[in-house]
Every structure is written in structure tokens, then in C-alpha cells.
């Protein structure tokens, strides 16, 4: 179904501007989330999600020194750069 909306041109401009701003904001957030920030610090859960593995598998890789982990108190963190450095070609 097509609806017909009757409005003043200034109102239409404002409606279009609002939609464009909302979509630009969504795109900016999406794009920024895809950028690799080498200095970014990840929690254990974030690192496991990023690598698409379970926490126990991430723990095993950490204990085998495949991935460097950092701690503050009893918290464990990972640097995104270290995760990328741990990845290597298998062919």
C-alpha cells in the first residue's frame, strides 16, 4: 500500500534530514566497529567472541602461550594486536 503524505516542503526537508542523520549515525557506528584498533583492550569474553571460541579454548591457548594475556588483580585482558600477532598462516 502506498500512503500519500501532504506536508510543507520545509517539513519534508526536515524529515529527510532526520532520516539521513539517523542512517549516517548507524553507518558510522557500524564502520567504526569494523576498524581494527591495535591498541584496543579486550576482556576475556570479548576476546573469545572476537575469535569465535569458547572461554575454555581461549584459556587453553593462553596457558599454551599462543596468546599473550594481561592481568589486573584477578581480571584477565587481551590486546587486540597480540591476538592478531598470534594468528599465523597454516598453509
PDB file of N, CA and C in Angstrom:
ATOM      1  N   UNK A   1       0.828  -1.174   0.000  1.00  0.00           N
ATOM      2  CA  UNK A   1       0.000   0.000   0.000  1.00  0.00           C
ATOM      3  C   UNK A   1       0.876   1.243   0.000  1.00  0.00           C
ATOM      4  N   UNK A   2       0.477   2.210  -0.752  1.00  0.00           N
ATOM      5  CA  UNK A   2       1.173   3.489  -0.792  1.00  0.00           C
ATOM      6  C   UNK A   2       0.347   4.522  -0.046  1.00  0.00           C
ATOM      7  N   UNK A   3       0.997   5.220   0.855  1.00  0.00           N
ATOM      8  CA  UNK A   3       0.347   6.296   1.591  1.00  0.00           C
ATOM      9  C   UNK A   3       0.751   7.617   0.974  1.00  0.00           C
ATOM     10  N   UNK A   4      -0.144   8.523   0.963  1.00  0.00           N
ATOM     11  CA  UNK A   4       0.139   9.862   0.475  1.00  0.00           C
ATOM     12  C   UNK A   4       0.234  10.774   1.681  1.00  0.00           C
ATOM     13  N   UNK A   5       1.349  11.485   1.770  1.00  0.00           N
ATOM     14  CA  UNK A   5       1.559  12.412   2.870  1.00  0.00           C
ATOM     15  C   UNK A   5       1.609  13.816   2.281  1.00  0.00           C
ATOM     16  N   UNK A   6       0.826  14.678   2.829  1.00  0.00           N
ATOM     17  CA  UNK A   6       0.821  16.066   2.394  1.00  0.00           C
ATOM     18  C   UNK A   6       1.475  16.875   3.499  1.00  0.00           C
ATOM     19  N   UNK A   7       2.534  17.586   3.126  1.00  0.00           N
ATOM     20  CA  UNK A   7       3.260  18.377   4.109  1.00  0.00           C
ATOM     21  C   UNK A   7       3.913  19.566   3.424  1.00  0.00           C
ATOM     22  N   UNK A   8       4.357  20.465   4.203  1.00  0.00           N
ATOM     23  CA  UNK A   8       5.055  21.653   3.702  1.00  0.00           C
ATOM     24  C   UNK A   8       6.471  21.238   3.287  1.00  0.00           C
ATOM     25  N   UNK A   9       7.028  21.817   2.227  1.00  0.00           N
ATOM     26  CA  UNK A   9       8.385  21.455   1.784  1.00  0.00           C
ATOM     27  C   UNK A   9       9.438  21.552   2.889  1.00  0.00           C
ATOM     28  N   UNK A  10       9.327  22.529   3.765  1.00  0.00           N
ATOM     29  CA  UNK A  10      10.297  22.644   4.865  1.00  0.00           C
ATOM     30  C   UNK A  10      10.186  21.465   5.824  1.00  0.00           C
ATOM     31  N   UNK A  11       8.973  20.996   6.073  1.00  0.00           N
ATOM     32  CA  UNK A  11       8.787  19.829   6.928  1.00  0.00           C
ATOM     33  C   UNK A  11       9.371  18.587   6.266  1.00  0.00           C
ATOM     34  N   UNK A  12       9.173  18.479   4.962  1.00  0.00           N
ATOM     35  CA  UNK A  12       9.717  17.340   4.224  1.00  0.00           C
ATOM     36  C   UNK A  12      11.235  17.344   4.284  1.00  0.00           C
ATOM     37  N   UNK A  13      11.844  18.516   4.103  1.00  0.00           N
ATOM     38  CA  UNK A  13      13.302  18.627   4.191  1.00  0.00           C
ATOM     39  C   UNK A  13      13.786  18.186   5.571  1.00  0.00           C
ATOM     40  N   UNK A  14      13.096  18.607   6.599  1.00  0.00           N
ATOM     41  CA  UNK A  14      13.484  18.247   7.962  1.00  0.00           C
ATOM     42  C   UNK A  14      13.338  16.748   8.194  1.00  0.00           C
ATOM     43  N   UNK A  15      12.277  16.147   7.687  1.00  0.00           N
ATOM     44  CA  UNK A  15      12.080  14.703   7.825  1.00  0.00           C
ATOM     45  C   UNK A  15      13.198  13.943   7.117  1.00  0.00           C
ATOM     46  N   UNK A  16      13.538  14.373   5.914  1.00  0.00           N
ATOM     47  CA  UNK A  16      14.612  13.720   5.149  1.00  0.00           C
ATOM     48  C   UNK A  16      15.939  13.897   5.869  1.00  0.00           C
ATOM     49  N   UNK A  17      16.210  15.105   6.357  1.00  0.00           N
ATOM     50  CA  UNK A  17      17.459  15.376   7.083  1.00  0.00           C
ATOM     51  C   UNK A  17      17.567  14.473   8.311  1.00  0.00           C
ATOM     52  N   UNK A  18      16.459  14.298   9.028  1.00  0.00           N
ATOM     53  CA  UNK A  18      16.461  13.463  10.233  1.00  0.00           C
ATOM     54  C   UNK A  18      16.768  12.008   9.878  1.00  0.00           C
ATOM     55  N   UNK A  19      16.145  11.479   8.850  1.00  0.00           N
ATOM     56  CA  UNK A  19      16.378  10.092   8.443  1.00  0.00           C
ATOM     57  C   UNK A  19      17.821   9.904   7.983  1.00  0.00           C
ATOM     58  N   UNK A  20      18.324  10.861   7.206  1.00  0.00           N
ATOM     59  CA  UNK A  20      19.713  10.761   6.734  1.00  0.00           C
ATOM     60  C   UNK A  20      20.682  10.796   7.912  1.00  0.00           C
ATOM     61  N   UNK A  21      20.450  11.669   8.875  1.00  0.00           N
ATOM     62  CA  UNK A  21      21.315  11.740  10.055  1.00  0.00           C
ATOM     63  C   UNK A  21      21.286  10.436  10.848  1.00  0.00           C
ATOM     64  N   UNK A  22      20.108   9.851  11.020  1.00  0.00           N
ATOM     65  CA  UNK A  22      19.997   8.586  11.750  1.00  0.00           C
ATOM     66  C   UNK A  22      20.751   7.472  11.026  1.00  0.00           C
ATOM     67  N   UNK A  23      20.580   7.393   9.711  1.00  0.00           N
ATOM     68  CA  UNK A  23      21.260   6.353   8.938  1.00  0.00           C
ATOM     69  C   UNK A  23      22.769   6.583   8.914  1.00  0.00           C
ATOM     70  N   UNK A  24      23.202   7.835   8.822  1.00  0.00           N
ATOM     71  CA  UNK A  24      24.633   8.142   8.849  1.00  0.00           C
ATOM     72  C   UNK A  24      25.232   7.748  10.198  1.00  0.00           C
ATOM     73  N   UNK A  25      24.497   7.991  11.279  1.00  0.00           N
ATOM     74  CA  UNK A  25      24.957   7.613  12.614  1.00  0.00           C
ATOM     75  C   UNK A  25      25.096   6.090  12.719  1.00  0.00           C
ATOM     76  N   UNK A  26      24.109   5.355  12.222  1.00  0.00           N
ATOM     77  CA  UNK A  26      24.175   3.889  12.242  1.00  0.00           C
ATOM     78  C   UNK A  26      25.362   3.394  11.434  1.00  0.00           C
ATOM     79  N   UNK A  27      25.564   3.984  10.254  1.00  0.00           N
ATOM     80  CA  UNK A  27      26.679   3.570   9.407  1.00  0.00           C
ATOM     81  C   UNK A  27      28.013   3.870  10.075  1.00  0.00           C
ATOM     82  N   UNK A  28      28.139   5.029  10.701  1.00  0.00           N
ATOM     83  CA  UNK A  28      29.383   5.390  11.381  1.00  0.00           C
ATOM     84  C   UNK A  28      29.690   4.397  12.488  1.00  0.00           C
ATOM     85  N   UNK A  29      28.702   4.037  13.275  1.00  0.00           N
ATOM     86  CA  UNK A  29      28.915   3.040  14.334  1.00  0.00           C
ATOM     87  C   UNK A  29      29.305   1.694  13.752  1.00  0.00           C
ATOM     88  N   UNK A  30      28.636   1.279  12.688  1.00  0.00           N
ATOM     89  CA  UNK A  30      28.962   0.003  12.049  1.00  0.00           C
ATOM     90  C   UNK A  30      30.385   0.042  11.514  1.00  0.00           C
ATOM     91  N   UNK A  31      30.748   1.105  10.812  1.00  0.00           N
ATOM     92  CA  UNK A  31      32.066   1.218  10.209  1.00  0.00           C
ATOM     93  C   UNK A  31      33.151   1.251  11.276  1.00  0.00           C
ATOM     94  N   UNK A  32      32.946   2.039  12.326  1.00  0.00           N
ATOM     95  CA  UNK A  32      33.936   2.118  13.399  1.00  0.00           C
ATOM     96  C   UNK A  32      34.112   0.786  14.107  1.00  0.00           C
ATOM     97  N   UNK A  33      33.061   0.001  14.204  1.00  0.00           N
ATOM     98  CA  UNK A  33      33.184  -1.302  14.853  1.00  0.00           C
ATOM     99  C   UNK A  33      34.004  -2.274  14.016  1.00  0.00           C
ATOM    100  N   UNK A  34      34.138  -1.994  12.709  1.00  0.00           N
ATOM    101  CA  UNK A  34      34.914  -2.864  11.826  1.00  0.00           C
ATOM    102  C   UNK A  34      36.382  -2.468  11.736  1.00  0.00           C
ATOM    103  N   UNK A  35      36.704  -1.255  12.171  1.00  0.00           N
ATOM    104  CA  UNK A  35      38.085  -0.810  12.128  1.00  0.00           C
ATOM    105  C   UNK A  35      38.912  -1.570  13.156  1.00  0.00           C
ATOM    106  N   UNK A  36      40.107  -1.888  12.796  1.00  0.00           N
ATOM    107  CA  UNK A  36      40.993  -2.591  13.717  1.00  0.00           C
ATOM    108  C   UNK A  36      41.767  -1.553  14.519  1.00  0.00           C
ATOM    109  N   UNK A  37      41.511  -1.534  15.788  1.00  0.00           N
ATOM    110  CA  UNK A  37      42.213  -0.640  16.692  1.00  0.00           C
ATOM    111  C   UNK A  37      43.231  -1.474  17.444  1.00  0.00           C
ATOM    112  N   UNK A  38      44.466  -1.432  16.990  1.00  0.00           N
ATOM    113  CA  UNK A  38      45.505  -2.299  17.546  1.00  0.00           C
ATOM    114  C   UNK A  38      45.733  -2.083  19.042  1.00  0.00           C
ATOM    115  N   UNK A  39      45.424  -0.928  19.543  1.00  0.00           N
ATOM    116  CA  UNK A  39      45.638  -0.643  20.960  1.00  0.00           C
ATOM    117  C   UNK A  39      44.437  -1.034  21.817  1.00  0.00           C
ATOM    118  N   UNK A  40      43.414  -1.550  21.204  1.00  0.00           N
ATOM    119  CA  UNK A  40      42.191  -1.884  21.926  1.00  0.00           C
ATOM    120  C   UNK A  40      42.444  -3.042  22.903  1.00  0.00           C
ATOM    121  N   UNK A  41      41.880  -2.918  24.084  1.00  0.00           N
ATOM    122  CA  UNK A  41      41.986  -3.936  25.127  1.00  0.00           C
ATOM    123  C   UNK A  41      40.648  -4.668  25.201  1.00  0.00           C
ATOM    124  N   UNK A  42      40.711  -5.993  25.213  1.00  0.00           N
ATOM    125  CA  UNK A  42      39.505  -6.812  25.253  1.00  0.00           C
ATOM    126  C   UNK A  42      39.438  -7.598  26.558  1.00  0.00           C
ATOM    127  N   UNK A  43      38.235  -7.782  27.059  1.00  0.00           N
ATOM    128  CA  UNK A  43      38.038  -8.687  28.185  1.00  0.00           C
ATOM    129  C   UNK A  43      38.132 -10.118  27.674  1.00  0.00           C
ATOM    130  N   UNK A  44      38.127 -11.076  28.575  1.00  0.00           N
ATOM    131  CA  UNK A  44      38.165 -12.489  28.165  1.00  0.00           C
ATOM    132  C   UNK A  44      36.985 -12.808  27.259  1.00  0.00           C
ATOM    133  N   UNK A  45      35.791 -12.368  27.641  1.00  0.00           N
ATOM    134  CA  UNK A  45      34.599 -12.670  26.854  1.00  0.00           C
ATOM    135  C   UNK A  45      34.668 -12.001  25.489  1.00  0.00           C
ATOM    136  N   UNK A  46      35.112 -10.755  25.436  1.00  0.00           N
ATOM    137  CA  UNK A  46      35.233 -10.058  24.155  1.00  0.00           C
ATOM    138  C   UNK A  46      36.253 -10.744  23.248  1.00  0.00           C
ATOM    139  N   UNK A  47      37.374 -11.178  23.820  1.00  0.00           N
ATOM    140  CA  UNK A  47      38.398 -11.865  23.029  1.00  0.00           C
ATOM    141  C   UNK A  47      37.862 -13.200  22.508  1.00  0.00           C
ATOM    142  N   UNK A  48      37.162 -13.937  23.350  1.00  0.00           N
ATOM    143  CA  UNK A  48      36.586 -15.218  22.918  1.00  0.00           C
ATOM    144  C   UNK A  48      35.550 -14.996  21.819  1.00  0.00           C
ATOM    145  N   UNK A  49      34.716 -13.992  21.978  1.00  0.00           N
ATOM    146  CA  UNK A  49      33.719 -13.677  20.946  1.00  0.00           C
ATOM    147  C   UNK A  49      34.404 -13.260  19.648  1.00  0.00           C
ATOM    148  N   UNK A  50      35.440 -12.448  19.761  1.00  0.00           N
ATOM    149  CA  UNK A  50      36.165 -11.965  18.576  1.00  0.00           C
ATOM    150  C   UNK A  50      36.762 -13.149  17.805  1.00  0.00           C
ATOM    151  N   UNK A  51      37.290 -14.119  18.543  1.00  0.00           N
ATOM    152  CA  UNK A  51      37.902 -15.292  17.918  1.00  0.00           C
ATOM    153  C   UNK A  51      36.899 -16.408  17.637  1.00  0.00           C
ATOM    154  N   UNK A  52      35.661 -16.192  18.050  1.00  0.00           N
ATOM    155  CA  UNK A  52      34.604 -17.189  17.856  1.00  0.00           C
ATOM    156  C   UNK A  52      34.975 -18.525  18.499  1.00  0.00           C
ATOM    157  N   UNK A  53      35.398 -18.445  19.753  1.00  0.00           N
ATOM    158  CA  UNK A  53      35.755 -19.654  20.501  1.00  0.00           C
ATOM    159  C   UNK A  53      35.221 -19.542  21.919  1.00  0.00           C
ATOM    160  N   UNK A  54      35.204 -20.650  22.602  1.00  0.00           N
ATOM    161  CA  UNK A  54      34.717 -20.656  23.980  1.00  0.00           C
ATOM    162  C   UNK A  54      35.780 -20.079  24.916  1.00  0.00           C
ATOM    163  N   UNK A  55      35.347 -19.730  26.113  1.00  0.00           N
ATOM    164  CA  UNK A  55      36.285 -19.220  27.106  1.00  0.00           C
ATOM    165  C   UNK A  55      37.320 -20.275  27.485  1.00  0.00           C
ATOM    166  N   UNK A  56      36.906 -21.540  27.528  1.00  0.00           N
ATOM    167  CA  UNK A  56      37.860 -22.589  27.889  1.00  0.00           C
ATOM    168  C   UNK A  56      38.920 -22.778  26.803  1.00  0.00           C
ATOM    169  N   UNK A  57      38.541 -22.640  25.545  1.00  0.00           N
ATOM    170  CA  UNK A  57      39.516 -22.743  24.454  1.00  0.00           C
ATOM    171  C   UNK A  57      40.474 -21.559  24.503  1.00  0.00           C
ATOM    172  N   UNK A  58      39.954 -20.369  24.756  1.00  0.00           N
ATOM    173  CA  UNK A  58      40.812 -19.194  24.896  1.00  0.00           C
ATOM    174  C   UNK A  58      41.768 -19.384  26.064  1.00  0.00           C
ATOM    175  N   UNK A  59      41.287 -19.931  27.168  1.00  0.00           N
ATOM    176  CA  UNK A  59      42.130 -20.199  28.334  1.00  0.00           C
ATOM    177  C   UNK A  59      43.251 -21.174  27.971  1.00  0.00           C
ATOM    178  N   UNK A  60      42.920 -22.208  27.226  1.00  0.00           N
ATOM    179  CA  UNK A  60      43.928 -23.196  26.801  1.00  0.00           C
ATOM    180  C   UNK A  60      45.004 -22.532  25.942  1.00  0.00           C
ATOM    181  N   UNK A  61      44.593 -21.694  24.993  1.00  0.00           N
ATOM    182  CA  UNK A  61      45.567 -21.001  24.145  1.00  0.00           C
ATOM    183  C   UNK A  61      46.433 -20.047  24.969  1.00  0.00           C
ATOM    184  N   UNK A  62      45.853 -19.461  25.990  1.00  0.00           N
ATOM    185  CA  UNK A  62      46.616 -18.571  26.863  1.00  0.00           C
ATOM    186  C   UNK A  62      47.646 -19.375  27.661  1.00  0.00           C
ATOM    187  N   UNK A  63      47.223 -20.501  28.226  1.00  0.00           N
ATOM    188  CA  UNK A  63      48.136 -21.334  29.017  1.00  0.00           C
ATOM    189  C   UNK A  63      49.247 -21.939  28.157  1.00  0.00           C
ATOM    190  N   UNK A  64      48.973 -22.198  26.878  1.00  0.00           N
ATOM    191  CA  UNK A  64      49.981 -22.744  25.954  1.00  0.00           C
ATOM    192  C   UNK A  64      50.859 -21.642  25.375  1.00  0.00           C
ATOM    193  N   UNK A  65      50.650 -20.389  25.832  1.00  0.00           N
ATOM    194  CA  UNK A  65      51.396 -19.211  25.383  1.00  0.00           C
ATOM    195  C   UNK A  65      51.186 -18.916  23.901  1.00  0.00           C
ATOM    196  N   UNK A  66      50.049 -19.319  23.357  1.00  0.00           N
ATOM    197  CA  UNK A  66      49.717 -18.966  21.980  1.00  0.00           C
ATOM    198  C   UNK A  66      49.258 -17.511  21.908  1.00  0.00           C
ATOM    199  N   UNK A  67      48.568 -17.068  22.939  1.00  0.00           N
ATOM    200  CA  UNK A  67      48.054 -15.701  23.010  1.00  0.00           C
ATOM    201  C   UNK A  67      48.502 -15.094  24.330  1.00  0.00           C
ATOM    202  N   UNK A  68      49.061 -13.903  24.271  1.00  0.00           N
ATOM    203  CA  UNK A  68      49.515 -13.201  25.474  1.00  0.00           C
ATOM    204  C   UNK A  68      48.316 -12.596  26.199  1.00  0.00           C
ATOM    205  N   UNK A  69      48.255 -12.812  27.493  1.00  0.00           N
ATOM    206  CA  UNK A  69      47.199 -12.233  28.326  1.00  0.00           C
ATOM    207  C   UNK A  69      47.825 -11.276  29.329  1.00  0.00           C
ATOM    208  N   UNK A  70      47.028 -10.333  29.804  1.00  0.00           N
ATOM    209  CA  UNK A  70      47.473  -9.350  30.781  1.00  0.00           C
ATOM    210  C   UNK A  70      46.460  -9.332  31.908  1.00  0.00           C
ATOM    211  N   UNK A  71      46.916  -9.025  33.091  1.00  0.00           N
ATOM    212  CA  UNK A  71      46.001  -9.036  34.218  1.00  0.00           C
ATOM    213  C   UNK A  71      46.130  -7.825  35.110  1.00  0.00           C
ATOM    214  N   UNK A  72      45.019  -7.500  35.712  1.00  0.00           N
ATOM    215  CA  UNK A  72      44.967  -6.507  36.780  1.00  0.00           C
ATOM    216  C   UNK A  72      44.144  -7.159  37.875  1.00  0.00           C
ATOM    217  N   UNK A  73      44.777  -7.414  38.997  1.00  0.00           N
ATOM    218  CA  UNK A  73      44.085  -8.166  40.050  1.00  0.00           C
ATOM    219  C   UNK A  73      43.769  -9.554  39.532  1.00  0.00           C
ATOM    220  N   UNK A  74      42.514  -9.966  39.646  1.00  0.00           N
ATOM    221  CA  UNK A  74      42.134 -11.276  39.121  1.00  0.00           C
ATOM    222  C   UNK A  74      41.427 -11.158  37.765  1.00  0.00           C
ATOM    223  N   UNK A  75      41.518  -9.993  37.129  1.00  0.00           N
ATOM    224  CA  UNK A  75      40.923  -9.771  35.806  1.00  0.00           C
ATOM    225  C   UNK A  75      41.950 -10.090  34.727  1.00  0.00           C
ATOM    226  N   UNK A  76      41.488 -10.680  33.633  1.00  0.00           N
ATOM    227  CA  UNK A  76      42.353 -11.029  32.513  1.00  0.00           C
ATOM    228  C   UNK A  76      41.921 -10.226  31.293  1.00  0.00           C
ATOM    229  N   UNK A  77      42.899  -9.654  30.610  1.00  0.00           N
ATOM    230  CA  UNK A  77      42.647  -8.852  29.425  1.00  0.00           C
ATOM    231  C   UNK A  77      43.565  -9.280  28.295  1.00  0.00           C
ATOM    232  N   UNK A  78      43.160  -8.949  27.078  1.00  0.00           N
ATOM    233  CA  UNK A  78      43.940  -9.261  25.887  1.00  0.00           C
ATOM    234  C   UNK A  78      44.052  -8.010  25.032  1.00  0.00           C
ATOM    235  N   UNK A  79      45.209  -7.836  24.403  1.00  0.00           N
ATOM    236  CA  UNK A  79      45.380  -6.750  23.449  1.00  0.00           C
ATOM    237  C   UNK A  79      45.017  -7.289  22.074  1.00  0.00           C
ATOM    238  N   UNK A  80      44.251  -6.516  21.334  1.00  0.00           N
ATOM    239  CA  UNK A  80      43.845  -6.933  20.006  1.00  0.00           C
ATOM    240  C   UNK A  80      45.062  -7.191  19.118  1.00  0.00           C
ATOM    241  N   UNK A  81      46.097  -6.389  19.271  1.00  0.00           N
ATOM    242  CA  UNK A  81      47.323  -6.577  18.492  1.00  0.00           C
ATOM    243  C   UNK A  81      47.934  -7.949  18.775  1.00  0.00           C
ATOM    244  N   UNK A  82      47.946  -8.359  20.031  1.00  0.00           N
ATOM    245  CA  UNK A  82      48.506  -9.667  20.389  1.00  0.00           C
ATOM    246  C   UNK A  82      47.676 -10.803  19.800  1.00  0.00           C
ATOM    247  N   UNK A  83      46.374 -10.620  19.746  1.00  0.00           N
ATOM    248  CA  UNK A  83      45.512 -11.635  19.136  1.00  0.00           C
ATOM    249  C   UNK A  83      45.843 -11.762  17.653  1.00  0.00           C
ATOM    250  N   UNK A  84      45.999 -10.624  16.986  1.00  0.00           N
ATOM    251  CA  UNK A  84      46.345 -10.658  15.559  1.00  0.00           C
ATOM    252  C   UNK A  84      47.725 -11.259  15.348  1.00  0.00           C
ATOM    253  N   UNK A  85      48.671 -10.927  16.228  1.00  0.00           N
ATOM    254  CA  UNK A  85      50.020 -11.468  16.115  1.00  0.00           C
ATOM    255  C   UNK A  85      50.054 -12.977  16.340  1.00  0.00           C
ATOM    256  N   UNK A  86      49.127 -13.487  17.159  1.00  0.00           N
ATOM    257  CA  UNK A  86      49.098 -14.927  17.454  1.00  0.00           C
ATOM    258  C   UNK A  86      48.594 -15.737  16.261  1.00  0.00           C
ATOM    259  N   UNK A  87      47.843 -15.098  15.399  1.00  0.00           N
ATOM    260  CA  UNK A  87      47.326 -15.814  14.234  1.00  0.00           C
ATOM    261  C   UNK A  87      48.435 -15.987  13.201  1.00  0.00           C
ATOM    262  N   UNK A  88      48.498 -17.174  12.630  1.00  0.00           N
ATOM    263  CA  UNK A  88      49.522 -17.446  11.630  1.00  0.00           C
ATOM    264  C   UNK A  88      48.915 -18.298  10.524  1.00  0.00           C
ATOM    265  N   UNK A  89      49.492 -18.207   9.349  1.00  0.00           N
ATOM    266  CA  UNK A  89      49.020 -18.995   8.218  1.00  0.00           C
ATOM    267  C   UNK A  89      49.282 -20.474   8.476  1.00  0.00           C
ATOM    268  N   UNK A  90      48.348 -21.318   8.079  1.00  0.00           N
ATOM    269  CA  UNK A  90      48.531 -22.759   8.290  1.00  0.00           C
ATOM    270  C   UNK A  90      48.831 -23.506   6.989  1.00  0.00           C
ATOM    271  N   UNK A  91      48.911 -22.828   5.876  1.00  0.00           N
ATOM    272  CA  UNK A  91      49.284 -23.488   4.616  1.00  0.00           C
ATOM    273  C   UNK A  91      50.681 -23.077   4.257  1.00  0.00           C
TER     274      UNK A  91
END
